[in-house]
Protein backbone atom coordinates (compact mmCIF):
# COMPACT_ATOMS: atom_id res chain seq x y z
CA UNK A 1 -1.63 -3.04 14.87
CA UNK A 2 -3.98 -0.78 16.66
CA UNK A 3 -7.25 -0.20 15.11
CA UNK A 4 -7.04 2.74 12.32
CA UNK A 5 -10.12 4.89 11.82
CA UNK A 6 -11.49 6.13 8.55
CA UNK A 7 -10.14 9.84 9.10
CA UNK A 8 -6.71 8.39 9.74
CA UNK A 9 -6.75 6.21 6.45
CA UNK A 10 -7.88 9.39 4.38
CA UNK A 11 -4.91 11.38 5.74
CA UNK A 12 -2.49 8.65 5.39
CA UNK A 13 -3.69 8.03 1.75
CA UNK A 14 -3.32 11.72 0.98
CA UNK A 15 0.23 12.02 2.48
CA UNK A 16 1.15 8.79 0.72
CA UNK A 17 0.16 9.95 -2.98
CA UNK A 18 1.90 13.40 -2.02
CA UNK A 19 5.13 11.21 -1.13
CA UNK A 20 4.96 12.74 2.42
CA UNK A 21 4.63 9.40 4.35
CA UNK A 22 7.56 7.84 6.48
CA UNK A 23 8.27 3.95 6.50
CA UNK A 24 6.02 3.42 9.56
CA UNK A 25 3.11 5.40 8.04
CA UNK A 26 3.50 3.15 4.69
CA UNK A 27 3.60 0.03 6.90
CA UNK A 28 0.36 1.03 8.58
CA UNK A 29 -1.25 1.47 5.24
CA UNK A 30 -0.06 -1.80 3.93
CA UNK A 31 -1.09 -3.68 6.94
CA UNK A 32 -4.66 -2.00 6.77
CA UNK A 33 -5.13 -2.87 3.19
CA UNK A 34 -3.93 -6.56 3.64
CA UNK A 35 -6.05 -7.00 6.98
CA UNK A 36 -9.34 -7.94 5.13
CA UNK A 37 -11.28 -5.33 7.13
CA UNK A 38 -11.33 -2.41 4.59
CA UNK A 39 -14.00 0.28 4.64
CA UNK A 40 -15.80 -0.14 1.44
CA UNK A 41 -14.83 3.44 0.34
CA UNK A 42 -11.21 2.42 0.31
CA UNK A 43 -11.72 -0.96 -1.77
CA UNK A 44 -10.28 0.79 -4.78
CA UNK A 45 -6.79 0.93 -3.23
CA UNK A 46 -6.64 -2.79 -2.01
CA UNK A 47 -5.00 -4.28 -5.14
CA UNK A 48 -2.49 -1.36 -5.21
CA UNK A 49 -1.17 -1.98 -1.64
CA UNK A 50 -1.31 -5.59 -2.19
CA UNK A 51 1.32 -5.11 -5.13
CA UNK A 52 3.28 -2.66 -3.27
CA UNK A 53 3.42 -5.30 -0.37
CA UNK A 54 4.66 -7.92 -2.63
CA UNK A 55 7.44 -5.78 -4.32
CA UNK A 56 9.56 -5.89 -1.31
CA UNK A 57 10.42 -9.56 -2.23
CA UNK A 58 12.01 -8.43 -5.58
CA UNK A 59 15.59 -8.44 -5.70
CA UNK A 60 18.01 -7.49 -8.58
CA UNK A 61 21.22 -9.02 -8.97
CA UNK A 62 24.54 -7.21 -8.91
CA UNK A 63 24.96 -7.97 -12.54
CA UNK A 64 21.82 -6.13 -13.29
CA UNK A 65 22.86 -3.05 -11.61
CA UNK A 66 26.13 -3.11 -13.39
CA UNK A 67 24.49 -3.47 -16.76
CA UNK A 68 21.95 -0.60 -15.78
CA UNK A 69 24.80 1.57 -14.88
CA UNK A 70 26.74 0.87 -18.00
CA UNK A 71 23.70 1.83 -20.05
CA UNK A 72 23.23 5.23 -18.15
CA UNK A 73 26.96 6.15 -18.56
């Protein structure tokens, strides 16, 4: 990943929390916050992006989806 500067992080964070980022931008944020080289002013976001990074490994079974859909209907 190319180095990312403070202004880029601020812009990406603003766009992220406005739900206006694309997948590539979200990957850049996650990579930045998992890099270990975080600007101290952004430390408050480290755990959040660590959690969202790990969420990708969670998969729900088809049975769960069927049960959920039955409850909704």
